[in-house]
């Protein structure tokens, strides 16, 4: 299969066969992650491979009891890791303060996601499916404790992989012209923005068919033994009087105020791991 076709058919897979990923395939995935782009080639990345049933169950519990994390034969916890480079710098009579420098953090975060997406693409080419699970950001402290993650290391993404039992179809995406700008940013007018989202999501509806394309997690959770997630979502849509796609996203799925309020918890978790950014650092003047 051509690479373009492979990329265009890729979908997040949450329904996996009860089939282990061979050791040699896991080794290839990890080698590809290790070879991904990295700013300054510092490679501030660590990957915790999770395959044992008890640890898969523990990890699923940490990310909101998402059943595909427990059922996937393989998960990888992608970590932003400044601990290793800080130790190396100290052993060589210098200092690395990446945990205090927002620029280092942003570059390292991009490094982690480059490595993770490299795994996704290779996995797809080998007949595997995968799904990103970002809710580990909500349980950083507990995840660090459960998996022995030290200071200056943050779990930032979980990637669950396995051989697909089923692959979602019809997941809506923008057409490329919506996200592409030539030479400089081209701001769209209200009509163009409305058309872009209308073309992506289509007409709003309150049925299970709508959730199949807009909130597939609830549908798949129920299929894998969840406890009424679809029913909950439909009830919430009615209670919140959700009338359009935007309200569904930002009143129910990612409530705007709750997402802002989460800042404090996230920053506290980062500080506990040793990360903080002082916007007014004291700079000694030369004399």
Protein backbone atom coordinates (compact mmCIF):
# COMPACT_ATOMS: atom_id res chain seq x y z
CA UNK A 1 0.00 0.00 0.00
CA UNK A 2 1.22 3.51 -0.82
CA UNK A 3 2.12 5.65 2.20
CA UNK A 4 -0.44 8.31 1.27
CA UNK A 5 -3.24 5.74 1.15
CA UNK A 6 -2.14 4.33 4.50
CA UNK A 7 -2.22 7.80 6.10
CA UNK A 8 -5.62 8.58 4.64
CA UNK A 9 -7.20 5.36 5.91
CA UNK A 10 -5.79 5.71 9.45
CA UNK A 11 -8.39 5.93 12.19
CA UNK A 12 -8.21 5.74 15.96
CA UNK A 13 -8.91 2.11 16.87
CA UNK A 14 -10.49 1.23 20.20
CA UNK A 15 -11.58 -2.35 19.56
CA UNK A 16 -8.68 -4.82 19.58
CA UNK A 17 -8.32 -8.54 19.03
CA UNK A 18 -7.15 -10.68 21.91
CA UNK A 19 -3.82 -11.19 20.18
CA UNK A 20 -0.38 -10.27 21.46
CA UNK A 21 1.90 -8.00 19.46
CA UNK A 22 5.05 -10.04 18.65
CA UNK A 23 8.26 -9.06 20.40
CA UNK A 24 10.02 -8.26 17.13
CA UNK A 25 7.21 -5.88 16.14
CA UNK A 26 7.37 -4.11 19.49
CA UNK A 27 11.13 -3.75 19.02
CA UNK A 28 10.59 -2.18 15.59
CA UNK A 29 8.06 0.29 16.98
CA UNK A 30 10.43 1.36 19.74
CA UNK A 31 13.37 1.66 17.35
CA UNK A 32 11.30 3.92 15.11
CA UNK A 33 10.33 6.07 18.11
CA UNK A 34 13.97 6.37 19.06
CA UNK A 35 14.82 7.53 15.53
CA UNK A 36 12.16 10.27 15.44
CA UNK A 37 13.11 13.96 15.08
CA UNK A 38 14.35 15.68 18.24
CA UNK A 39 15.26 19.30 18.89
CA UNK A 40 19.03 19.53 19.27
CA UNK A 41 18.97 15.72 19.20
CA UNK A 42 18.66 15.84 23.01
CA UNK A 43 15.92 13.14 22.96
CA UNK A 44 14.16 14.07 26.22
CA UNK A 45 11.84 11.08 25.89
CA UNK A 46 11.13 7.90 27.81
CA UNK A 47 8.57 5.24 26.87
CA UNK A 48 7.07 2.87 29.43
CA UNK A 49 5.89 -0.31 27.69
CA UNK A 50 2.81 -1.80 29.36
CA UNK A 51 1.75 -5.33 28.44
CA UNK A 52 1.02 -7.24 31.66
CA UNK A 53 -2.71 -7.60 32.33
CA UNK A 54 -2.59 -6.13 35.83
CA UNK A 55 -0.67 -3.08 34.67
CA UNK A 56 -3.02 -2.61 31.70
CA UNK A 57 -5.94 -2.65 34.12
CA UNK A 58 -4.15 -0.19 36.41
CA UNK A 59 -3.41 2.14 33.52
CA UNK A 60 -7.02 1.98 32.30
CA UNK A 61 -8.18 2.99 35.76
CA UNK A 62 -5.87 5.98 35.71
CA UNK A 63 -7.29 7.29 32.43
CA UNK A 64 -10.98 7.08 33.27
CA UNK A 65 -11.62 3.32 32.98
CA UNK A 66 -11.34 3.45 29.21
CA UNK A 67 -11.83 -0.24 28.32
CA UNK A 68 -9.62 -0.19 25.22
CA UNK A 69 -6.60 0.62 27.39
CA UNK A 70 -7.26 -2.48 29.46
CA UNK A 71 -8.09 -4.62 26.42
CA UNK A 72 -5.26 -3.49 24.13
CA UNK A 73 -2.39 -6.00 24.29
CA UNK A 74 0.13 -3.14 24.26
CA UNK A 75 0.20 0.39 25.61
CA UNK A 76 3.04 2.88 25.69
CA UNK A 77 3.23 5.73 28.17
CA UNK A 78 5.14 8.51 26.41
CA UNK A 79 7.01 10.63 28.91
CA UNK A 80 8.76 13.97 28.64
CA UNK A 81 12.03 13.15 30.40
CA UNK A 82 14.42 15.84 31.67
CA UNK A 83 15.76 13.66 34.50
CA UNK A 84 18.27 11.82 32.32
CA UNK A 85 19.74 14.91 30.66
CA UNK A 86 19.90 16.80 33.98
CA UNK A 87 21.93 13.98 35.52
CA UNK A 88 24.26 13.84 32.51
CA UNK A 89 24.84 17.59 32.59
CA UNK A 90 25.60 17.51 36.31
CA UNK A 91 28.08 14.66 35.88
CA UNK A 92 29.89 16.79 33.31
CA UNK A 93 30.28 19.99 35.35
CA UNK A 94 27.42 21.90 33.73
CA UNK A 95 23.72 22.49 34.30
CA UNK A 96 20.51 21.82 32.40
CA UNK A 97 17.42 23.71 33.56
CA UNK A 98 14.90 22.45 31.04
CA UNK A 99 12.27 22.03 33.76
CA UNK A 100 12.38 25.81 34.29
CA UNK A 101 12.54 26.85 30.63
CA UNK A 102 9.25 26.91 28.77
CA UNK A 103 11.07 26.82 25.44
CA UNK A 104 12.78 23.54 26.38
CA UNK A 105 9.43 22.15 27.51
CA UNK A 106 7.62 23.03 24.28
CA UNK A 107 10.39 21.59 22.12
CA UNK A 108 10.49 18.43 24.24
CA UNK A 109 6.72 18.04 24.05
CA UNK A 110 6.96 18.23 20.27
CA UNK A 111 9.74 15.62 20.39
CA UNK A 112 7.51 13.26 22.37
CA UNK A 113 4.64 13.61 19.92
CA UNK A 114 6.94 13.17 16.91
CA UNK A 115 8.08 9.88 18.45
CA UNK A 116 4.53 8.80 19.23
CA UNK A 117 3.22 9.59 15.75
CA UNK A 118 6.15 7.75 14.20
CA UNK A 119 4.99 4.69 16.14
CA UNK A 120 1.41 5.22 14.95
CA UNK A 121 2.44 5.31 11.28
CA UNK A 122 4.72 2.28 11.50
CA UNK A 123 2.07 0.37 13.47
CA UNK A 124 -0.50 1.10 10.78
CA UNK A 125 1.84 -0.23 8.09
CA UNK A 126 2.28 -3.45 10.10
CA UNK A 127 -1.45 -4.09 10.39
CA UNK A 128 -1.84 -2.65 13.87
CA UNK A 129 -4.33 -0.05 15.04
CA UNK A 130 -3.78 2.53 17.73
CA UNK A 131 -5.49 5.22 19.78
CA UNK A 132 -4.08 8.18 21.68
CA UNK A 133 -5.31 8.64 25.26
CA UNK A 134 -4.60 12.14 26.53
CA UNK A 135 -6.56 11.93 29.78
CA UNK A 136 -3.39 10.74 31.53
CA UNK A 137 -2.78 14.49 31.95
CA UNK A 138 -5.54 14.47 34.54
CA UNK A 139 -3.81 11.89 36.72
CA UNK A 140 -0.14 12.80 36.45
CA UNK A 141 0.57 12.35 40.18
CA UNK A 142 -1.11 8.94 40.41
CA UNK A 143 0.44 7.74 37.14
CA UNK A 144 3.91 8.76 38.28
CA UNK A 145 3.41 6.85 41.53
CA UNK A 146 1.89 3.77 39.87
CA UNK A 147 4.69 3.41 37.32
CA UNK A 148 7.67 4.62 39.35
CA UNK A 149 8.17 7.82 37.34
CA UNK A 150 10.79 10.07 39.02
CA UNK A 151 11.20 13.83 39.35
CA UNK A 152 11.62 15.82 36.14
CA UNK A 153 9.67 13.21 34.13
CA UNK A 154 6.07 13.78 33.01
CA UNK A 155 3.70 11.23 31.47
CA UNK A 156 2.09 13.23 28.67
CA UNK A 157 0.41 10.68 26.39
CA UNK A 158 -0.71 7.06 26.35
CA UNK A 159 -0.78 5.17 23.07
CA UNK A 160 -2.70 1.88 23.05
CA UNK A 161 -2.05 -0.54 20.20
CA UNK A 162 -3.16 -3.91 18.90
CA UNK A 163 -4.61 -5.77 15.97
CA UNK A 164 -7.99 -4.19 15.15
CA UNK A 165 -11.22 -6.05 15.66
CA UNK A 166 -13.07 -3.18 14.03
CA UNK A 167 -12.09 0.18 12.56
CA UNK A 168 -14.35 3.26 12.75
CA UNK A 169 -15.57 4.70 9.46
CA UNK A 170 -16.86 8.13 8.55
CA UNK A 171 -14.94 10.14 11.17
CA UNK A 172 -15.41 13.78 10.08
CA UNK A 173 -12.42 15.90 9.09
CA UNK A 174 -12.02 19.35 7.57
CA UNK A 175 -11.20 19.53 3.90
CA UNK A 176 -7.50 20.42 3.49
CA UNK A 177 -8.21 23.95 2.24
CA UNK A 178 -9.60 24.86 5.69
CA UNK A 179 -6.30 24.36 7.49
CA UNK A 180 -3.87 25.33 4.70
CA UNK A 181 -2.63 28.90 4.29
CA UNK A 182 -0.22 29.96 1.56
CA UNK A 183 2.62 32.36 2.33
CA UNK A 184 0.73 34.02 5.21
CA UNK A 185 -2.28 33.38 7.44
CA UNK A 186 -5.55 33.91 5.60
CA UNK A 187 -8.36 34.66 8.02
CA UNK A 188 -11.73 33.29 6.93
CA UNK A 189 -14.94 35.28 7.20
CA UNK A 190 -17.90 34.07 9.28
CA UNK A 191 -19.61 32.44 6.31
CA UNK A 192 -16.47 30.51 5.40
CA UNK A 193 -15.96 29.36 9.00
CA UNK A 194 -19.58 28.25 9.22
CA UNK A 195 -19.29 26.37 5.93
CA UNK A 196 -16.08 24.64 7.05
CA UNK A 197 -17.67 23.26 10.19
CA UNK A 198 -20.92 22.41 8.42
CA UNK A 199 -19.00 20.41 5.82
CA UNK A 200 -17.12 18.62 8.58
CA UNK A 201 -19.93 17.73 10.97
CA UNK A 202 -23.04 17.90 8.81
CA UNK A 203 -26.47 18.46 10.31
CA UNK A 204 -26.73 18.27 14.07
CA UNK A 205 -28.73 15.42 15.55
CA UNK A 206 -29.35 13.93 18.96
CA UNK A 207 -29.35 10.27 18.04
CA UNK A 208 -26.85 7.50 18.54
CA UNK A 209 -25.86 7.96 14.90
CA UNK A 210 -24.57 11.43 15.76
CA UNK A 211 -22.50 10.07 18.63
CA UNK A 212 -21.02 7.48 16.26
CA UNK A 213 -19.18 10.25 14.47
CA UNK A 214 -18.89 12.97 17.12
CA UNK A 215 -18.33 11.08 20.39
CA UNK A 216 -17.22 7.62 19.31
CA UNK A 217 -15.66 6.93 22.73
CA UNK A 218 -19.08 6.65 24.37
CA UNK A 219 -20.32 4.26 21.71
CA UNK A 220 -17.26 2.03 21.89
CA UNK A 221 -17.20 2.08 25.70
CA UNK A 222 -20.74 0.70 25.80
CA UNK A 223 -19.87 -1.98 23.25
CA UNK A 224 -17.01 -3.12 25.47
CA UNK A 225 -19.05 -3.36 28.63
CA UNK A 226 -19.32 0.26 29.66
CA UNK A 227 -22.03 1.46 31.99
CA UNK A 228 -24.48 3.45 29.91
CA UNK A 229 -22.17 6.06 28.41
CA UNK A 230 -24.38 6.64 25.37
CA UNK A 231 -27.46 6.98 27.53
CA UNK A 232 -25.62 9.47 29.74
CA UNK A 233 -24.48 11.52 26.75
CA UNK A 234 -27.98 11.71 25.26
CA UNK A 235 -29.46 12.68 28.62
CA UNK A 236 -26.85 15.39 29.10
CA UNK A 237 -27.51 16.75 25.61
CA UNK A 238 -31.17 17.09 26.50
CA UNK A 239 -30.53 18.55 29.97
CA UNK A 240 -28.07 21.14 28.63
CA UNK A 241 -30.40 21.95 25.72
CA UNK A 242 -27.60 21.39 23.22
CA UNK A 243 -28.73 22.55 19.80
CA UNK A 244 -25.63 22.49 17.61
CA UNK A 245 -22.21 20.94 17.11
CA UNK A 246 -20.30 23.72 18.86
CA UNK A 247 -22.47 23.48 21.98
CA UNK A 248 -21.99 19.73 21.98
CA UNK A 249 -18.20 20.12 21.93
CA UNK A 250 -17.79 22.99 24.39
CA UNK A 251 -20.76 22.54 26.73
CA UNK A 252 -20.66 18.76 27.04
CA UNK A 253 -17.55 17.06 25.70
CA UNK A 254 -14.98 19.70 26.67
CA UNK A 255 -16.88 22.14 28.93
CA UNK A 256 -15.17 25.50 28.51
CA UNK A 257 -15.16 26.60 32.16
CA UNK A 258 -14.11 23.18 33.44
CA UNK A 259 -11.19 23.07 31.02
CA UNK A 260 -9.97 26.44 32.34
CA UNK A 261 -10.44 25.38 35.96
CA UNK A 262 -8.31 22.31 35.27
CA UNK A 263 -5.27 24.58 34.84
CA UNK A 264 -4.60 24.70 38.56
CA UNK A 265 -4.60 20.92 38.94
CA UNK A 266 -2.36 20.45 35.91
CA UNK A 267 0.16 23.08 36.99
CA UNK A 268 0.22 21.71 40.55
CA UNK A 269 0.97 18.23 39.16
CA UNK A 270 3.78 19.63 37.03
CA UNK A 271 5.29 21.48 39.99
CA UNK A 272 5.19 18.31 42.04
CA UNK A 273 7.21 16.64 39.26
CA UNK A 274 9.75 19.48 39.40
CA UNK A 275 8.51 21.63 36.51
CA UNK A 276 7.87 25.35 36.94
CA UNK A 277 8.25 28.45 34.78
CA UNK A 278 9.11 31.77 36.36
CA UNK A 279 8.06 34.57 34.04
CA UNK A 280 10.20 37.08 35.97
CA UNK A 281 13.47 35.31 36.73
CA UNK A 282 16.13 37.17 38.65
CA UNK A 283 19.03 38.00 36.37
CA UNK A 284 22.31 38.97 37.96
CA UNK A 285 23.83 42.09 36.45
CA UNK A 286 27.40 42.02 35.28
CA UNK A 287 29.76 44.19 37.32
